[in-house]
């Protein structure tokens, strides 16, 4: 037999070399990223429009509502019965009745206002709940006895009967004892009370229904605040928000409550 050369005898077989090297680690599969769920767009279902037929006003003529039930830009609102209302805090002065659902937030608002030396003890209520009957007197009484002044002109500053937020019991027209001449006037916005309400009222569930330059095309009323609760889950807030849903969706308040 022929001898194997020495060099060949000392070279290990390839399979032996392979056995000495560590096996490559298996590659872990990479999981595909989980797609982030996208919430569907929020659809706001508006309540049915109010009555759309003609309506007689003040015994002086018949006018037609728009397709969404508005009359001279004002939405229709229910007339809260007097038995469902309570007296507002006496510190607001005068006789003023409100829906009981807003009483707690109103108390907290007044306490916060009294804690501010700039307006402590000065907030007043010029008007709260107004029945449809009283609203008719208010609206029709603003038209001259000789027929002067049109319905549209009067509706710029006062809602027709059946179309006032005041009839719900969720509204307060605030005033101030330090500048009574500005109560229910544009200059109320510049009073310390008016400035305080603009900065703070939303924290207590109140929003300004008719801000300056509003798209609803009614008079700017910096004194007129409706209650809708600080959140939708507040006791009584769901009912208030349902009543004002058309107005709040189409013509948002400013300042407003989210």
C-alpha atoms as a PDB file:
ATOM      1  CA  UNK A   1       0.000   0.000   0.000  1.00  0.00           C
ATOM      2  CA  UNK A   2       1.230   3.489  -0.860  1.00  0.00           C
ATOM      3  CA  UNK A   3       1.921   5.783   2.144  1.00  0.00           C
ATOM      4  CA  UNK A   4      -0.228   8.938   2.575  1.00  0.00           C
ATOM      5  CA  UNK A   5       1.978  12.016   2.575  1.00  0.00           C
ATOM      6  CA  UNK A   6       2.475  13.555   6.030  1.00  0.00           C
ATOM      7  CA  UNK A   7       0.878  16.890   5.050  1.00  0.00           C
ATOM      8  CA  UNK A   8      -2.332  15.227   4.026  1.00  0.00           C
ATOM      9  CA  UNK A   9      -2.483  13.174   7.205  1.00  0.00           C
ATOM     10  CA  UNK A  10      -2.547  16.310   9.412  1.00  0.00           C
ATOM     11  CA  UNK A  11      -5.305  18.219   7.517  1.00  0.00           C
ATOM     12  CA  UNK A  12      -8.628  17.472   9.166  1.00  0.00           C
ATOM     13  CA  UNK A  13     -11.517  16.541   6.944  1.00  0.00           C
ATOM     14  CA  UNK A  14     -13.861  19.364   5.903  1.00  0.00           C
ATOM     15  CA  UNK A  15     -16.720  17.787   7.795  1.00  0.00           C
ATOM     16  CA  UNK A  16     -14.669  17.937  10.994  1.00  0.00           C
ATOM     17  CA  UNK A  17     -13.990  21.656  10.485  1.00  0.00           C
ATOM     18  CA  UNK A  18     -17.672  22.285   9.955  1.00  0.00           C
ATOM     19  CA  UNK A  19     -18.479  20.480  13.153  1.00  0.00           C
ATOM     20  CA  UNK A  20     -16.180  22.824  15.105  1.00  0.00           C
ATOM     21  CA  UNK A  21     -17.872  26.049  13.870  1.00  0.00           C
ATOM     22  CA  UNK A  22     -21.078  27.221  15.607  1.00  0.00           C
ATOM     23  CA  UNK A  23     -24.256  26.778  13.616  1.00  0.00           C
ATOM     24  CA  UNK A  24     -25.794  30.063  12.407  1.00  0.00           C
ATOM     25  CA  UNK A  25     -28.651  31.294  14.635  1.00  0.00           C
ATOM     26  CA  UNK A  26     -32.091  30.979  13.094  1.00  0.00           C
ATOM     27  CA  UNK A  27     -33.540  34.259  11.849  1.00  0.00           C
ATOM     28  CA  UNK A  28     -36.633  35.232  13.867  1.00  0.00           C
ATOM     29  CA  UNK A  29     -39.611  36.172  11.729  1.00  0.00           C
ATOM     30  CA  UNK A  30     -40.509  39.887  11.822  1.00  0.00           C
ATOM     31  CA  UNK A  31     -44.119  40.458  12.764  1.00  0.00           C
ATOM     32  CA  UNK A  32     -46.063  42.724  10.478  1.00  0.00           C
ATOM     33  CA  UNK A  33     -47.086  45.995  12.222  1.00  0.00           C
ATOM     34  CA  UNK A  34     -50.618  46.048  13.508  1.00  0.00           C
ATOM     35  CA  UNK A  35     -52.562  48.802  11.714  1.00  0.00           C
ATOM     36  CA  UNK A  36     -53.856  51.546  13.992  1.00  0.00           C
ATOM     37  CA  UNK A  37     -57.650  51.442  13.995  1.00  0.00           C
ATOM     38  CA  UNK A  38     -59.198  54.559  12.514  1.00  0.00           C
ATOM     39  CA  UNK A  39     -62.373  55.749  14.188  1.00  0.00           C
ATOM     40  CA  UNK A  40     -65.233  56.342  11.777  1.00  0.00           C
ATOM     41  CA  UNK A  41     -66.259  59.975  11.372  1.00  0.00           C
ATOM     42  CA  UNK A  42     -68.670  61.136  14.041  1.00  0.00           C
ATOM     43  CA  UNK A  43     -72.109  61.630  12.604  1.00  0.00           C
ATOM     44  CA  UNK A  44     -74.289  64.133  14.399  1.00  0.00           C
ATOM     45  CA  UNK A  45     -77.936  63.272  14.077  1.00  0.00           C
ATOM     46  CA  UNK A  46     -79.939  66.440  14.352  1.00  0.00           C
ATOM     47  CA  UNK A  47     -83.380  66.264  15.910  1.00  0.00           C
ATOM     48  CA  UNK A  48     -86.366  66.612  13.617  1.00  0.00           C
ATOM     49  CA  UNK A  49     -86.932  70.100  12.331  1.00  0.00           C
ATOM     50  CA  UNK A  50     -89.569  72.153  14.008  1.00  0.00           C
ATOM     51  CA  UNK A  51     -92.939  72.940  12.462  1.00  0.00           C
ATOM     52  CA  UNK A  52     -92.590  74.395   9.002  1.00  0.00           C
ATOM     53  CA  UNK A  53     -96.044  75.800   8.292  1.00  0.00           C
ATOM     54  CA  UNK A  54     -97.103  79.428   8.453  1.00  0.00           C
ATOM     55  CA  UNK A  55     -97.548  81.104  11.824  1.00  0.00           C
ATOM     56  CA  UNK A  56     -99.661  84.057  12.867  1.00  0.00           C
ATOM     57  CA  UNK A  57     -97.791  86.794  14.735  1.00  0.00           C
ATOM     58  CA  UNK A  58     -99.158  89.443  17.044  1.00  0.00           C
ATOM     59  CA  UNK A  59    -102.537  89.480  15.290  1.00  0.00           C
ATOM     60  CA  UNK A  60    -100.913  91.441  12.486  1.00  0.00           C
ATOM     61  CA  UNK A  61    -100.176  88.919   9.796  1.00  0.00           C
ATOM     62  CA  UNK A  62     -98.949  85.462   8.896  1.00  0.00           C
ATOM     63  CA  UNK A  63     -95.339  84.562   8.212  1.00  0.00           C
ATOM     64  CA  UNK A  64     -93.680  81.390   6.912  1.00  0.00           C
ATOM     65  CA  UNK A  65     -91.059  79.384   8.798  1.00  0.00           C
ATOM     66  CA  UNK A  66     -87.975  78.134   6.974  1.00  0.00           C
ATOM     67  CA  UNK A  67     -87.473  74.459   6.149  1.00  0.00           C
ATOM     68  CA  UNK A  68     -85.631  73.814   9.424  1.00  0.00           C
ATOM     69  CA  UNK A  69     -88.413  75.349  11.506  1.00  0.00           C
ATOM     70  CA  UNK A  70     -86.712  78.678  12.168  1.00  0.00           C
ATOM     71  CA  UNK A  71     -88.661  81.889  12.278  1.00  0.00           C
ATOM     72  CA  UNK A  72     -86.596  84.977  11.438  1.00  0.00           C
ATOM     73  CA  UNK A  73     -83.447  82.899  12.172  1.00  0.00           C
ATOM     74  CA  UNK A  74     -84.660  81.712  15.605  1.00  0.00           C
ATOM     75  CA  UNK A  75     -85.132  77.993  16.305  1.00  0.00           C
ATOM     76  CA  UNK A  76     -88.326  76.705  17.962  1.00  0.00           C
ATOM     77  CA  UNK A  77     -88.057  75.769  21.650  1.00  0.00           C
ATOM     78  CA  UNK A  78     -90.368  74.058  24.143  1.00  0.00           C
ATOM     79  CA  UNK A  79     -92.086  76.052  26.849  1.00  0.00           C
ATOM     80  CA  UNK A  80     -90.975  74.643  30.215  1.00  0.00           C
ATOM     81  CA  UNK A  81     -93.931  74.500  32.619  1.00  0.00           C
ATOM     82  CA  UNK A  82     -93.644  76.670  35.713  1.00  0.00           C
ATOM     83  CA  UNK A  83     -94.046  73.599  37.923  1.00  0.00           C
ATOM     84  CA  UNK A  84     -90.732  72.240  36.613  1.00  0.00           C
ATOM     85  CA  UNK A  85     -88.761  75.345  37.613  1.00  0.00           C
ATOM     86  CA  UNK A  86     -87.176  76.600  40.839  1.00  0.00           C
ATOM     87  CA  UNK A  87     -86.129  80.014  42.098  1.00  0.00           C
ATOM     88  CA  UNK A  88     -82.645  81.209  41.236  1.00  0.00           C
ATOM     89  CA  UNK A  89     -80.310  82.282  44.068  1.00  0.00           C
ATOM     90  CA  UNK A  90     -81.613  85.461  45.681  1.00  0.00           C
ATOM     91  CA  UNK A  91     -78.184  87.078  45.340  1.00  0.00           C
ATOM     92  CA  UNK A  92     -78.998  87.532  41.654  1.00  0.00           C
ATOM     93  CA  UNK A  93     -81.762  89.928  42.683  1.00  0.00           C
ATOM     94  CA  UNK A  94     -85.417  90.006  41.726  1.00  0.00           C
ATOM     95  CA  UNK A  95     -87.670  87.109  40.860  1.00  0.00           C
ATOM     96  CA  UNK A  96     -85.965  84.667  38.547  1.00  0.00           C
ATOM     97  CA  UNK A  97     -86.849  81.029  37.845  1.00  0.00           C
ATOM     98  CA  UNK A  98     -84.564  78.437  36.307  1.00  0.00           C
ATOM     99  CA  UNK A  99     -84.439  74.737  35.459  1.00  0.00           C
ATOM    100  CA  UNK A 100     -83.219  72.823  38.540  1.00  0.00           C
ATOM    101  CA  UNK A 101     -80.614  70.905  36.507  1.00  0.00           C
ATOM    102  CA  UNK A 102     -78.502  74.057  36.211  1.00  0.00           C
ATOM    103  CA  UNK A 103     -78.753  75.118  39.853  1.00  0.00           C
ATOM    104  CA  UNK A 104     -75.552  73.416  41.033  1.00  0.00           C
ATOM    105  CA  UNK A 105     -73.392  74.901  38.294  1.00  0.00           C
ATOM    106  CA  UNK A 106     -74.986  78.311  38.787  1.00  0.00           C
ATOM    107  CA  UNK A 107     -74.158  78.178  42.515  1.00  0.00           C
ATOM    108  CA  UNK A 108     -70.552  77.293  41.699  1.00  0.00           C
ATOM    109  CA  UNK A 109     -70.332  80.094  39.135  1.00  0.00           C
ATOM    110  CA  UNK A 110     -71.621  82.655  41.649  1.00  0.00           C
ATOM    111  CA  UNK A 111     -69.219  81.400  44.336  1.00  0.00           C
ATOM    112  CA  UNK A 112     -66.280  81.768  41.944  1.00  0.00           C
ATOM    113  CA  UNK A 113     -67.430  85.244  40.944  1.00  0.00           C
ATOM    114  CA  UNK A 114     -67.754  86.296  44.588  1.00  0.00           C
ATOM    115  CA  UNK A 115     -64.195  85.083  45.189  1.00  0.00           C
ATOM    116  CA  UNK A 116     -62.929  87.586  42.611  1.00  0.00           C
ATOM    117  CA  UNK A 117     -62.630  91.052  44.217  1.00  0.00           C
ATOM    118  CA  UNK A 118     -63.203  92.714  40.838  1.00  0.00           C
ATOM    119  CA  UNK A 119     -66.824  91.548  40.613  1.00  0.00           C
ATOM    120  CA  UNK A 120     -67.707  90.112  44.028  1.00  0.00           C
ATOM    121  CA  UNK A 121     -71.416  90.558  44.736  1.00  0.00           C
ATOM    122  CA  UNK A 122     -72.144  92.412  41.489  1.00  0.00           C
ATOM    123  CA  UNK A 123     -73.647  89.740  39.191  1.00  0.00           C
ATOM    124  CA  UNK A 124     -77.377  90.078  38.649  1.00  0.00           C
ATOM    125  CA  UNK A 125     -80.039  88.255  36.623  1.00  0.00           C
ATOM    126  CA  UNK A 126     -81.895  90.517  34.204  1.00  0.00           C
ATOM    127  CA  UNK A 127     -84.072  87.708  32.824  1.00  0.00           C
ATOM    128  CA  UNK A 128     -84.310  83.925  33.210  1.00  0.00           C
ATOM    129  CA  UNK A 129     -87.253  81.753  32.193  1.00  0.00           C
ATOM    130  CA  UNK A 130     -89.820  83.489  30.024  1.00  0.00           C
ATOM    131  CA  UNK A 131     -92.997  81.672  29.136  1.00  0.00           C
ATOM    132  CA  UNK A 132     -94.232  81.679  25.564  1.00  0.00           C
ATOM    133  CA  UNK A 133     -97.030  83.993  26.668  1.00  0.00           C
ATOM    134  CA  UNK A 134     -94.590  86.482  28.166  1.00  0.00           C
ATOM    135  CA  UNK A 135     -92.375  86.202  25.094  1.00  0.00           C
ATOM    136  CA  UNK A 136     -95.348  87.101  22.936  1.00  0.00           C
ATOM    137  CA  UNK A 137     -95.869  90.241  25.008  1.00  0.00           C
ATOM    138  CA  UNK A 138     -92.168  91.069  24.811  1.00  0.00           C
ATOM    139  CA  UNK A 139     -91.941  90.523  21.067  1.00  0.00           C
ATOM    140  CA  UNK A 140     -95.216  92.056  19.992  1.00  0.00           C
ATOM    141  CA  UNK A 141     -94.874  94.959  22.419  1.00  0.00           C
ATOM    142  CA  UNK A 142     -91.776  96.063  20.531  1.00  0.00           C
ATOM    143  CA  UNK A 143     -93.743  96.723  17.377  1.00  0.00           C
ATOM    144  CA  UNK A 144     -95.307 100.141  17.177  1.00  0.00           C
ATOM    145  CA  UNK A 145     -98.998 100.453  17.982  1.00  0.00           C
ATOM    146  CA  UNK A 146     -99.502 101.996  14.582  1.00  0.00           C
ATOM    147  CA  UNK A 147     -97.888  98.980  12.903  1.00  0.00           C
ATOM    148  CA  UNK A 148     -94.476 100.603  12.547  1.00  0.00           C
ATOM    149  CA  UNK A 149     -91.528  98.256  12.620  1.00  0.00           C
ATOM    150  CA  UNK A 150     -91.456  94.953  10.768  1.00  0.00           C
ATOM    151  CA  UNK A 151     -91.387  91.469  12.239  1.00  0.00           C
ATOM    152  CA  UNK A 152     -87.864  90.963  10.877  1.00  0.00           C
ATOM    153  CA  UNK A 153     -86.614  94.152  12.523  1.00  0.00           C
ATOM    154  CA  UNK A 154     -88.104  93.138  15.856  1.00  0.00           C
ATOM    155  CA  UNK A 155     -86.745  89.579  15.591  1.00  0.00           C
ATOM    156  CA  UNK A 156     -83.204  90.926  15.260  1.00  0.00           C
ATOM    157  CA  UNK A 157     -83.282  91.809  18.956  1.00  0.00           C
ATOM    158  CA  UNK A 158     -86.043  89.583  20.353  1.00  0.00           C
ATOM    159  CA  UNK A 159     -87.125  86.059  19.416  1.00  0.00           C
ATOM    160  CA  UNK A 160     -90.718  85.510  18.290  1.00  0.00           C
ATOM    161  CA  UNK A 161     -92.968  83.600  20.720  1.00  0.00           C
ATOM    162  CA  UNK A 162     -92.216  79.872  20.710  1.00  0.00           C
ATOM    163  CA  UNK A 163     -88.690  80.544  19.432  1.00  0.00           C
ATOM    164  CA  UNK A 164     -86.872  81.917  22.481  1.00  0.00           C
ATOM    165  CA  UNK A 165     -84.160  80.002  24.359  1.00  0.00           C
ATOM    166  CA  UNK A 166     -85.534  81.591  27.529  1.00  0.00           C
ATOM    167  CA  UNK A 167     -88.656  79.415  27.402  1.00  0.00           C
ATOM    168  CA  UNK A 168     -86.520  76.318  28.134  1.00  0.00           C
ATOM    169  CA  UNK A 169     -85.491  77.494  31.606  1.00  0.00           C
ATOM    170  CA  UNK A 170     -81.820  76.866  30.797  1.00  0.00           C
ATOM    171  CA  UNK A 171     -80.923  80.510  30.072  1.00  0.00           C
ATOM    172  CA  UNK A 172     -79.899  83.529  32.143  1.00  0.00           C
ATOM    173  CA  UNK A 173     -79.441  87.085  30.937  1.00  0.00           C
ATOM    174  CA  UNK A 174     -76.752  88.308  33.336  1.00  0.00           C
ATOM    175  CA  UNK A 175     -76.341  91.914  34.376  1.00  0.00           C
ATOM    176  CA  UNK A 176     -74.256  93.893  36.813  1.00  0.00           C
ATOM    177  CA  UNK A 177     -75.146  96.162  39.700  1.00  0.00           C
ATOM    178  CA  UNK A 178     -72.171  98.439  38.983  1.00  0.00           C
ATOM    179  CA  UNK A 179     -73.279  99.436  35.478  1.00  0.00           C
ATOM    180  CA  UNK A 180     -77.047  98.813  35.206  1.00  0.00           C
ATOM    181  CA  UNK A 181     -77.281 101.000  32.114  1.00  0.00           C
ATOM    182  CA  UNK A 182     -75.294  98.319  30.274  1.00  0.00           C
ATOM    183  CA  UNK A 183     -77.619  95.478  31.262  1.00  0.00           C
ATOM    184  CA  UNK A 184     -78.984  93.883  28.062  1.00  0.00           C
ATOM    185  CA  UNK A 185     -76.787  96.240  26.046  1.00  0.00           C
ATOM    186  CA  UNK A 186     -73.609  95.629  24.052  1.00  0.00           C
ATOM    187  CA  UNK A 187     -71.559  97.628  26.549  1.00  0.00           C
ATOM    188  CA  UNK A 188     -72.117  94.817  29.078  1.00  0.00           C
ATOM    189  CA  UNK A 189     -69.266  92.968  27.341  1.00  0.00           C
ATOM    190  CA  UNK A 190     -66.809  95.637  28.509  1.00  0.00           C
ATOM    191  CA  UNK A 191     -67.910  95.633  32.162  1.00  0.00           C
ATOM    192  CA  UNK A 192     -65.878  93.644  34.718  1.00  0.00           C
ATOM    193  CA  UNK A 193     -68.822  91.219  35.029  1.00  0.00           C
ATOM    194  CA  UNK A 194     -69.048  90.760  31.265  1.00  0.00           C
ATOM    195  CA  UNK A 195     -65.313  90.149  30.930  1.00  0.00           C
ATOM    196  CA  UNK A 196     -65.362  87.689  33.836  1.00  0.00           C
ATOM    197  CA  UNK A 197     -68.198  85.686  32.314  1.00  0.00           C
ATOM    198  CA  UNK A 198     -66.438  85.464  28.969  1.00  0.00           C
ATOM    199  CA  UNK A 199     -63.308  84.150  30.664  1.00  0.00           C
ATOM    200  CA  UNK A 200     -64.963  81.797  33.164  1.00  0.00           C
ATOM    201  CA  UNK A 201     -68.597  80.897  32.433  1.00  0.00           C
ATOM    202  CA  UNK A 202     -67.765  77.885  30.236  1.00  0.00           C
ATOM    203  CA  UNK A 203     -66.035  76.230  33.214  1.00  0.00           C
ATOM    204  CA  UNK A 204     -69.467  76.032  34.836  1.00  0.00           C
ATOM    205  CA  UNK A 205     -71.398  74.754  31.819  1.00  0.00           C
ATOM    206  CA  UNK A 206     -72.600  78.098  30.406  1.00  0.00           C
ATOM    207  CA  UNK A 207     -71.984  79.275  26.841  1.00  0.00           C
ATOM    208  CA  UNK A 208     -72.756  82.487  24.958  1.00  0.00           C
ATOM    209  CA  UNK A 209     -75.538  81.624  22.516  1.00  0.00           C
ATOM    210  CA  UNK A 210     -75.215  84.658  20.254  1.00  0.00           C
ATOM    211  CA  UNK A 211     -71.599  85.814  19.905  1.00  0.00           C
ATOM    212  CA  UNK A 212     -70.549  88.827  17.879  1.00  0.00           C
ATOM    213  CA  UNK A 213     -70.904  88.301  14.134  1.00  0.00           C
ATOM    214  CA  UNK A 214     -72.743  84.998  14.608  1.00  0.00           C
ATOM    215  CA  UNK A 215     -73.767  83.107  11.457  1.00  0.00           C
ATOM    216  CA  UNK A 216     -77.263  82.677  12.826  1.00  0.00           C
ATOM    217  CA  UNK A 217     -77.664  86.364  12.007  1.00  0.00           C
ATOM    218  CA  UNK A 218     -79.222  87.516  15.243  1.00  0.00           C
ATOM    219  CA  UNK A 219     -78.131  90.294  17.561  1.00  0.00           C
ATOM    220  CA  UNK A 220     -74.908  89.922  19.548  1.00  0.00           C
ATOM    221  CA  UNK A 221     -75.939  89.310  23.165  1.00  0.00           C
ATOM    222  CA  UNK A 222     -72.900  89.141  25.484  1.00  0.00           C
ATOM    223  CA  UNK A 223     -75.286  88.937  28.469  1.00  0.00           C
ATOM    224  CA  UNK A 224     -77.228  85.864  27.232  1.00  0.00           C
ATOM    225  CA  UNK A 225     -75.819  82.528  28.490  1.00  0.00           C
ATOM    226  CA  UNK A 226     -77.395  79.092  28.099  1.00  0.00           C
ATOM    227  CA  UNK A 227     -76.541  76.152  30.324  1.00  0.00           C
ATOM    228  CA  UNK A 228     -75.567  72.806  28.734  1.00  0.00           C
ATOM    229  CA  UNK A 229     -73.555  71.242  31.589  1.00  0.00           C
ATOM    230  CA  UNK A 230     -69.790  71.032  31.868  1.00  0.00           C
ATOM    231  CA  UNK A 231     -69.906  67.575  30.223  1.00  0.00           C
ATOM    232  CA  UNK A 232     -72.576  65.569  28.442  1.00  0.00           C
ATOM    233  CA  UNK A 233     -72.639  63.182  31.399  1.00  0.00           C
ATOM    234  CA  UNK A 234     -73.685  65.809  33.940  1.00  0.00           C
ATOM    235  CA  UNK A 235     -77.103  65.278  35.457  1.00  0.00           C
ATOM    236  CA  UNK A 236     -79.645  67.010  33.244  1.00  0.00           C
ATOM    237  CA  UNK A 237     -77.086  68.027  30.610  1.00  0.00           C
ATOM    238  CA  UNK A 238     -78.243  65.478  28.029  1.00  0.00           C
ATOM    239  CA  UNK A 239     -81.725  66.996  27.956  1.00  0.00           C
ATOM    240  CA  UNK A 240     -80.395  70.547  27.636  1.00  0.00           C
ATOM    241  CA  UNK A 241     -77.953  69.570  24.900  1.00  0.00           C
ATOM    242  CA  UNK A 242     -80.688  67.779  23.002  1.00  0.00           C
ATOM    243  CA  UNK A 243     -82.908  70.869  23.059  1.00  0.00           C
ATOM    244  CA  UNK A 244     -80.084  73.084  21.785  1.00  0.00           C
ATOM    245  CA  UNK A 245     -78.556  70.532  19.381  1.00  0.00           C
ATOM    246  CA  UNK A 246     -79.645  72.272  16.179  1.00  0.00           C
ATOM    247  CA  UNK A 247     -78.298  75.640  17.306  1.00  0.00           C
ATOM    248  CA  UNK A 248     -75.090  74.242  18.865  1.00  0.00           C
ATOM    249  CA  UNK A 249     -74.247  72.175  15.777  1.00  0.00           C
ATOM    250  CA  UNK A 250     -75.022  74.678  13.073  1.00  0.00           C
ATOM    251  CA  UNK A 251     -74.206  77.932  14.863  1.00  0.00           C
ATOM    252  CA  UNK A 252     -71.682  77.163  17.657  1.00  0.00           C
ATOM    253  CA  UNK A 253     -71.561  79.360  20.701  1.00  0.00           C
ATOM    254  CA  UNK A 254     -68.460  81.415  21.523  1.00  0.00           C
ATOM    255  CA  UNK A 255     -67.241  80.945  24.187  1.00  0.00           C
ATOM    256  CA  UNK A 256     -68.654  77.429  24.051  1.00  0.00           C
ATOM    257  CA  UNK A 257     -68.701  74.304  26.181  1.00  0.00           C
ATOM    258  CA  UNK A 258     -67.272  71.156  24.567  1.00  0.00           C
END
